[in-house]
């Protein structure tokens, strides 16, 4: 994939999204997305942020095709490509819905998860689970 447009199209298809569905997720018009995918235009910084969030990719990858390298401890906070791909479609939908909630509701849900898992630190809990 040599172009930004090819990477957008690839990520859209990898996420099982139609161009119309991606339009709804990003607020970008179908025509704009089509122009981007066909390399007729380049995405604005605002469009890059919306695409990054909707497609679960980095802006670096969208622009260059390469991921940035994180230091090891930072990398552990994120899902590997294999871990992400193993997430069920239902869980991905739940996550996308969660992203649309106001911060107060997100904190409520985070509190519920902590109580359910009997933990006060989700990052530490996940690190321990990964080691098991």
N, C-alpha and C. Protein backbone atom coordinates (compact mmCIF):
# COMPACT_ATOMS: atom_id res chain seq x y z
N UNK A 1 0.84 -1.17 0.00
CA UNK A 1 0.00 0.00 0.00
C UNK A 1 0.89 1.24 0.00
N UNK A 2 0.90 1.90 -1.11
CA UNK A 2 1.81 3.03 -1.28
C UNK A 2 1.20 4.39 -0.98
N UNK A 3 -0.11 4.48 -0.94
CA UNK A 3 -0.74 5.80 -0.79
C UNK A 3 -1.65 5.86 0.43
N UNK A 4 -1.91 7.08 0.85
CA UNK A 4 -2.83 7.30 1.97
C UNK A 4 -4.20 6.71 1.63
N UNK A 5 -4.65 6.95 0.42
CA UNK A 5 -5.96 6.44 0.00
C UNK A 5 -6.05 4.93 0.07
N UNK A 6 -4.99 4.25 -0.37
CA UNK A 6 -4.98 2.78 -0.31
C UNK A 6 -5.05 2.30 1.13
N UNK A 7 -4.35 3.00 2.03
CA UNK A 7 -4.36 2.59 3.44
C UNK A 7 -5.73 2.84 4.08
N UNK A 8 -6.37 3.95 3.73
CA UNK A 8 -7.71 4.22 4.27
C UNK A 8 -8.67 3.12 3.82
N UNK A 9 -8.63 2.80 2.54
CA UNK A 9 -9.53 1.78 2.00
C UNK A 9 -9.24 0.41 2.64
N UNK A 10 -7.96 0.07 2.78
CA UNK A 10 -7.58 -1.20 3.40
C UNK A 10 -8.12 -1.27 4.84
N UNK A 11 -7.89 -0.21 5.62
CA UNK A 11 -8.32 -0.20 7.02
C UNK A 11 -9.85 -0.25 7.12
N UNK A 12 -10.52 0.43 6.21
CA UNK A 12 -11.99 0.41 6.21
C UNK A 12 -12.48 -1.01 5.98
N UNK A 13 -11.92 -1.68 4.98
CA UNK A 13 -12.35 -3.05 4.68
C UNK A 13 -11.95 -4.01 5.80
N UNK A 14 -10.78 -3.80 6.39
CA UNK A 14 -10.32 -4.65 7.49
C UNK A 14 -11.27 -4.55 8.68
N UNK A 15 -11.89 -3.39 8.85
CA UNK A 15 -12.86 -3.17 9.92
C UNK A 15 -14.28 -3.52 9.49
N UNK A 16 -14.41 -4.15 8.32
CA UNK A 16 -15.72 -4.55 7.79
C UNK A 16 -16.70 -3.39 7.72
N UNK A 17 -16.22 -2.25 7.25
CA UNK A 17 -17.06 -1.06 7.14
C UNK A 17 -17.30 -0.71 5.68
N UNK A 18 -18.51 -0.34 5.38
CA UNK A 18 -18.79 0.23 4.06
C UNK A 18 -18.37 1.69 4.10
N UNK A 19 -18.26 2.29 2.94
CA UNK A 19 -17.90 3.70 2.91
C UNK A 19 -18.99 4.55 3.58
N UNK A 20 -20.24 4.10 3.47
CA UNK A 20 -21.35 4.80 4.13
C UNK A 20 -21.24 4.69 5.64
N UNK A 21 -20.90 3.50 6.14
CA UNK A 21 -20.74 3.31 7.58
C UNK A 21 -19.58 4.17 8.11
N UNK A 22 -18.47 4.20 7.36
CA UNK A 22 -17.34 5.03 7.77
C UNK A 22 -17.73 6.50 7.76
N UNK A 23 -18.53 6.90 6.82
CA UNK A 23 -19.02 8.27 6.76
C UNK A 23 -19.80 8.62 8.03
N UNK A 24 -20.65 7.71 8.46
CA UNK A 24 -21.44 7.94 9.67
C UNK A 24 -20.56 8.01 10.92
N UNK A 25 -19.52 7.16 10.97
CA UNK A 25 -18.63 7.15 12.13
C UNK A 25 -17.76 8.41 12.21
N UNK A 26 -17.37 8.93 11.06
CA UNK A 26 -16.42 10.04 11.03
C UNK A 26 -17.07 11.41 10.83
N UNK A 27 -18.25 11.42 10.25
CA UNK A 27 -18.86 12.69 9.89
C UNK A 27 -18.34 13.24 8.58
N UNK A 28 -17.47 12.48 7.90
CA UNK A 28 -16.97 12.88 6.59
C UNK A 28 -17.95 12.40 5.54
N UNK A 29 -18.14 13.17 4.49
CA UNK A 29 -19.11 12.77 3.47
C UNK A 29 -18.61 11.56 2.68
N UNK A 30 -19.54 10.82 2.11
CA UNK A 30 -19.19 9.67 1.28
C UNK A 30 -18.32 10.13 0.11
N UNK A 31 -18.67 11.27 -0.48
CA UNK A 31 -17.88 11.80 -1.60
C UNK A 31 -16.46 12.14 -1.19
N UNK A 32 -16.31 12.75 -0.01
CA UNK A 32 -14.98 13.08 0.50
C UNK A 32 -14.17 11.81 0.73
N UNK A 33 -14.80 10.81 1.37
CA UNK A 33 -14.10 9.54 1.62
C UNK A 33 -13.71 8.86 0.31
N UNK A 34 -14.59 8.90 -0.67
CA UNK A 34 -14.29 8.31 -1.97
C UNK A 34 -13.10 9.02 -2.61
N UNK A 35 -13.08 10.35 -2.55
CA UNK A 35 -11.95 11.11 -3.09
C UNK A 35 -10.65 10.74 -2.37
N UNK A 36 -10.72 10.57 -1.05
CA UNK A 36 -9.53 10.19 -0.28
C UNK A 36 -9.05 8.81 -0.69
N UNK A 37 -9.97 7.84 -0.74
CA UNK A 37 -9.59 6.47 -1.09
C UNK A 37 -9.05 6.36 -2.51
N UNK A 38 -9.50 7.24 -3.39
CA UNK A 38 -9.04 7.21 -4.79
C UNK A 38 -7.92 8.20 -5.06
N UNK A 39 -7.31 8.70 -3.98
CA UNK A 39 -6.15 9.59 -4.06
C UNK A 39 -6.42 10.85 -4.87
N UNK A 40 -7.66 11.32 -4.82
CA UNK A 40 -8.01 12.57 -5.50
C UNK A 40 -7.80 13.76 -4.58
N UNK A 41 -7.68 13.49 -3.28
CA UNK A 41 -7.40 14.54 -2.31
C UNK A 41 -6.68 13.94 -1.12
N UNK A 42 -6.09 14.81 -0.30
CA UNK A 42 -5.42 14.39 0.92
C UNK A 42 -6.28 14.78 2.11
N UNK A 43 -6.28 13.96 3.17
CA UNK A 43 -7.11 14.28 4.33
C UNK A 43 -6.56 15.48 5.11
N UNK A 44 -7.47 16.27 5.65
CA UNK A 44 -7.08 17.36 6.54
C UNK A 44 -6.65 16.76 7.88
N UNK A 45 -6.07 17.59 8.73
CA UNK A 45 -5.68 17.08 10.06
C UNK A 45 -6.91 16.63 10.84
N UNK A 46 -8.01 17.35 10.70
CA UNK A 46 -9.25 16.96 11.37
C UNK A 46 -9.75 15.61 10.84
N UNK A 47 -9.70 15.43 9.52
CA UNK A 47 -10.13 14.16 8.93
C UNK A 47 -9.23 13.02 9.38
N UNK A 48 -7.92 13.27 9.48
CA UNK A 48 -6.99 12.22 9.94
C UNK A 48 -7.35 11.75 11.35
N UNK A 49 -7.68 12.68 12.21
CA UNK A 49 -8.04 12.32 13.59
C UNK A 49 -9.32 11.47 13.59
N UNK A 50 -10.30 11.89 12.81
CA UNK A 50 -11.56 11.13 12.74
C UNK A 50 -11.33 9.74 12.16
N UNK A 51 -10.50 9.64 11.12
CA UNK A 51 -10.21 8.34 10.50
C UNK A 51 -9.43 7.45 11.46
N UNK A 52 -8.46 8.02 12.16
CA UNK A 52 -7.66 7.27 13.13
C UNK A 52 -8.57 6.63 14.17
N UNK A 53 -9.49 7.41 14.69
CA UNK A 53 -10.39 6.90 15.73
C UNK A 53 -11.36 5.85 15.20
N UNK A 54 -11.91 6.09 14.03
CA UNK A 54 -12.90 5.16 13.47
C UNK A 54 -12.28 3.86 12.99
N UNK A 55 -11.04 3.94 12.49
CA UNK A 55 -10.41 2.75 11.89
C UNK A 55 -9.43 2.05 12.82
N UNK A 56 -9.22 2.60 14.02
CA UNK A 56 -8.29 2.00 14.99
C UNK A 56 -6.89 1.84 14.44
N UNK A 57 -6.40 2.91 13.81
CA UNK A 57 -5.04 2.93 13.28
C UNK A 57 -4.38 4.21 13.75
N UNK A 58 -3.07 4.31 13.57
CA UNK A 58 -2.38 5.54 13.94
C UNK A 58 -2.34 6.49 12.74
N UNK A 59 -2.22 7.77 13.04
CA UNK A 59 -2.07 8.76 11.98
C UNK A 59 -0.77 8.49 11.23
N UNK A 60 0.27 8.08 11.96
CA UNK A 60 1.54 7.74 11.30
C UNK A 60 1.33 6.68 10.24
N UNK A 61 0.58 5.65 10.58
CA UNK A 61 0.35 4.58 9.60
C UNK A 61 -0.47 5.09 8.42
N UNK A 62 -1.49 5.89 8.68
CA UNK A 62 -2.29 6.44 7.57
C UNK A 62 -1.41 7.23 6.61
N UNK A 63 -0.51 8.04 7.15
CA UNK A 63 0.31 8.91 6.30
C UNK A 63 1.50 8.21 5.67
N UNK A 64 2.14 7.30 6.41
CA UNK A 64 3.40 6.72 5.93
C UNK A 64 3.36 5.22 5.69
N UNK A 65 2.39 4.55 6.28
CA UNK A 65 2.35 3.10 6.20
C UNK A 65 3.20 2.44 7.26
N UNK A 66 3.78 3.25 8.16
CA UNK A 66 4.63 2.71 9.22
C UNK A 66 4.08 3.10 10.57
N UNK A 67 4.20 2.19 11.53
CA UNK A 67 3.78 2.47 12.89
C UNK A 67 4.93 3.15 13.61
N UNK A 68 4.59 4.05 14.55
CA UNK A 68 5.65 4.61 15.37
C UNK A 68 6.06 3.58 16.40
N UNK A 69 7.28 3.67 16.83
CA UNK A 69 7.78 2.73 17.83
C UNK A 69 7.59 3.34 19.22
N UNK A 70 6.96 2.61 20.10
CA UNK A 70 6.77 3.04 21.48
C UNK A 70 7.81 2.34 22.35
N UNK A 71 8.18 3.00 23.44
CA UNK A 71 9.05 2.31 24.38
C UNK A 71 8.26 1.15 24.98
N UNK A 72 8.95 0.14 25.46
CA UNK A 72 8.32 -1.10 25.87
C UNK A 72 7.18 -0.90 26.86
N UNK A 73 7.39 -0.10 27.91
CA UNK A 73 6.32 0.02 28.90
C UNK A 73 5.10 0.74 28.34
N UNK A 74 5.30 1.67 27.42
CA UNK A 74 4.16 2.32 26.77
C UNK A 74 3.43 1.33 25.88
N UNK A 75 4.17 0.49 25.19
CA UNK A 75 3.59 -0.47 24.26
C UNK A 75 2.63 -1.43 24.97
N UNK A 76 2.95 -1.77 26.22
CA UNK A 76 2.12 -2.71 26.97
C UNK A 76 0.73 -2.16 27.27
N UNK A 77 0.55 -0.85 27.18
CA UNK A 77 -0.76 -0.25 27.44
C UNK A 77 -1.72 -0.48 26.28
N UNK A 78 -1.17 -0.82 25.13
CA UNK A 78 -1.99 -0.94 23.93
C UNK A 78 -2.14 -2.39 23.52
N UNK A 79 -3.16 -2.66 22.72
CA UNK A 79 -3.36 -4.01 22.20
C UNK A 79 -2.44 -4.24 21.01
N UNK A 80 -1.90 -5.43 20.93
CA UNK A 80 -1.16 -5.81 19.73
C UNK A 80 -2.17 -6.02 18.61
N UNK A 81 -1.70 -6.06 17.39
CA UNK A 81 -2.59 -6.30 16.24
C UNK A 81 -3.33 -7.62 16.43
N UNK A 82 -2.61 -8.66 16.91
CA UNK A 82 -3.24 -9.97 17.10
C UNK A 82 -4.33 -9.91 18.17
N UNK A 83 -4.04 -9.19 19.27
CA UNK A 83 -5.04 -9.06 20.33
C UNK A 83 -6.27 -8.32 19.82
N UNK A 84 -6.04 -7.25 19.06
CA UNK A 84 -7.17 -6.48 18.53
C UNK A 84 -8.01 -7.35 17.60
N UNK A 85 -7.36 -8.10 16.73
CA UNK A 85 -8.09 -8.92 15.76
C UNK A 85 -8.86 -10.05 16.43
N UNK A 86 -8.44 -10.43 17.65
CA UNK A 86 -9.14 -11.51 18.35
C UNK A 86 -10.38 -11.01 19.10
N UNK A 87 -10.57 -9.70 19.16
CA UNK A 87 -11.74 -9.14 19.83
C UNK A 87 -12.98 -9.40 18.98
N UNK A 88 -14.03 -9.85 19.62
CA UNK A 88 -15.26 -10.15 18.88
C UNK A 88 -15.86 -8.87 18.29
N UNK A 89 -16.64 -9.03 17.25
CA UNK A 89 -17.30 -7.88 16.62
C UNK A 89 -18.23 -7.19 17.62
N UNK A 90 -18.89 -7.98 18.46
CA UNK A 90 -19.79 -7.41 19.47
C UNK A 90 -19.01 -6.50 20.42
N UNK A 91 -17.82 -6.96 20.87
CA UNK A 91 -17.02 -6.15 21.78
C UNK A 91 -16.50 -4.89 21.09
N UNK A 92 -16.18 -4.98 19.80
CA UNK A 92 -15.75 -3.79 19.06
C UNK A 92 -16.88 -2.77 18.98
N UNK A 93 -18.10 -3.25 18.77
CA UNK A 93 -19.27 -2.36 18.72
C UNK A 93 -19.49 -1.71 20.08
N UNK A 94 -19.35 -2.51 21.14
CA UNK A 94 -19.50 -1.96 22.49
C UNK A 94 -18.45 -0.88 22.74
N UNK A 95 -17.22 -1.13 22.32
CA UNK A 95 -16.15 -0.15 22.51
C UNK A 95 -16.45 1.14 21.74
N UNK A 96 -16.89 1.00 20.48
CA UNK A 96 -17.22 2.18 19.68
C UNK A 96 -18.37 2.96 20.32
N UNK A 97 -19.34 2.26 20.87
CA UNK A 97 -20.45 2.93 21.57
C UNK A 97 -19.93 3.64 22.82
N UNK A 98 -19.03 2.98 23.55
CA UNK A 98 -18.43 3.56 24.76
C UNK A 98 -17.73 4.88 24.42
N UNK A 99 -17.02 4.91 23.29
CA UNK A 99 -16.30 6.13 22.89
C UNK A 99 -17.22 7.32 22.70
N UNK A 100 -18.49 7.08 22.40
CA UNK A 100 -19.42 8.19 22.15
C UNK A 100 -20.04 8.75 23.43
N UNK A 101 -19.83 8.07 24.55
CA UNK A 101 -20.44 8.50 25.81
C UNK A 101 -19.74 9.73 26.38
N UNK A 102 -20.47 10.54 27.14
CA UNK A 102 -19.83 11.65 27.85
C UNK A 102 -18.87 11.10 28.91
N UNK A 103 -17.87 11.90 29.27
CA UNK A 103 -16.84 11.46 30.21
C UNK A 103 -17.43 10.98 31.53
N UNK A 104 -18.45 11.63 32.02
CA UNK A 104 -19.06 11.23 33.29
C UNK A 104 -19.60 9.80 33.21
N UNK A 105 -20.26 9.46 32.13
CA UNK A 105 -20.80 8.10 31.95
C UNK A 105 -19.65 7.10 31.82
N UNK A 106 -18.57 7.49 31.13
CA UNK A 106 -17.42 6.60 31.00
C UNK A 106 -16.84 6.29 32.37
N UNK A 107 -16.74 7.31 33.24
CA UNK A 107 -16.22 7.09 34.59
C UNK A 107 -17.13 6.15 35.37
N UNK A 108 -18.44 6.31 35.21
CA UNK A 108 -19.39 5.40 35.87
C UNK A 108 -19.15 3.96 35.45
N UNK A 109 -19.00 3.76 34.16
CA UNK A 109 -18.79 2.40 33.63
C UNK A 109 -17.44 1.86 34.09
N UNK A 110 -16.41 2.71 34.09
CA UNK A 110 -15.09 2.28 34.58
C UNK A 110 -15.20 1.84 36.03
N UNK A 111 -15.95 2.59 36.84
CA UNK A 111 -16.15 2.21 38.24
C UNK A 111 -16.85 0.86 38.36
N UNK A 112 -17.86 0.64 37.55
CA UNK A 112 -18.57 -0.64 37.56
C UNK A 112 -17.62 -1.79 37.21
N UNK A 113 -16.77 -1.57 36.20
CA UNK A 113 -15.81 -2.60 35.79
C UNK A 113 -14.84 -2.89 36.93
N UNK A 114 -14.34 -1.85 37.58
CA UNK A 114 -13.40 -2.04 38.69
C UNK A 114 -14.04 -2.86 39.82
N UNK A 115 -15.29 -2.53 40.15
CA UNK A 115 -16.00 -3.27 41.20
C UNK A 115 -16.18 -4.72 40.77
N UNK A 116 -16.57 -4.94 39.52
CA UNK A 116 -16.80 -6.30 39.01
C UNK A 116 -15.53 -7.13 39.02
N UNK A 117 -14.39 -6.49 38.77
CA UNK A 117 -13.11 -7.20 38.74
C UNK A 117 -12.40 -7.17 40.08
N UNK A 118 -12.99 -6.48 41.06
CA UNK A 118 -12.40 -6.36 42.38
C UNK A 118 -10.99 -5.78 42.31
N UNK A 119 -10.86 -4.64 41.64
CA UNK A 119 -9.57 -3.97 41.51
C UNK A 119 -9.77 -2.47 41.57
N UNK A 120 -8.71 -1.75 41.90
CA UNK A 120 -8.77 -0.29 41.87
C UNK A 120 -7.93 0.26 40.73
N UNK A 121 -7.10 -0.58 40.11
CA UNK A 121 -6.21 -0.13 39.04
C UNK A 121 -6.35 -1.06 37.84
N UNK A 122 -7.07 -0.62 36.83
CA UNK A 122 -7.32 -1.47 35.66
C UNK A 122 -6.04 -1.78 34.89
N UNK A 123 -5.13 -0.80 34.76
CA UNK A 123 -3.89 -1.05 34.03
C UNK A 123 -3.08 -2.16 34.69
N UNK A 124 -2.96 -2.12 36.01
CA UNK A 124 -2.23 -3.17 36.73
C UNK A 124 -2.94 -4.51 36.58
N UNK A 125 -4.25 -4.51 36.66
CA UNK A 125 -5.03 -5.74 36.51
C UNK A 125 -4.76 -6.37 35.15
N UNK A 126 -4.77 -5.56 34.09
CA UNK A 126 -4.55 -6.07 32.73
C UNK A 126 -3.12 -6.58 32.59
N UNK A 127 -2.14 -5.87 33.15
CA UNK A 127 -0.74 -6.33 33.08
C UNK A 127 -0.60 -7.71 33.71
N UNK A 128 -1.24 -7.90 34.88
CA UNK A 128 -1.18 -9.19 35.57
C UNK A 128 -1.85 -10.28 34.74
N UNK A 129 -2.99 -9.96 34.13
CA UNK A 129 -3.72 -10.92 33.31
C UNK A 129 -2.90 -11.34 32.09
N UNK A 130 -2.16 -10.40 31.49
CA UNK A 130 -1.35 -10.72 30.32
C UNK A 130 -0.22 -11.67 30.67
N UNK A 131 0.29 -11.56 31.91
CA UNK A 131 1.42 -12.40 32.33
C UNK A 131 0.98 -13.83 32.63
N UNK A 132 -0.29 -14.02 32.95
CA UNK A 132 -0.81 -15.34 33.32
C UNK A 132 -0.92 -16.24 32.13
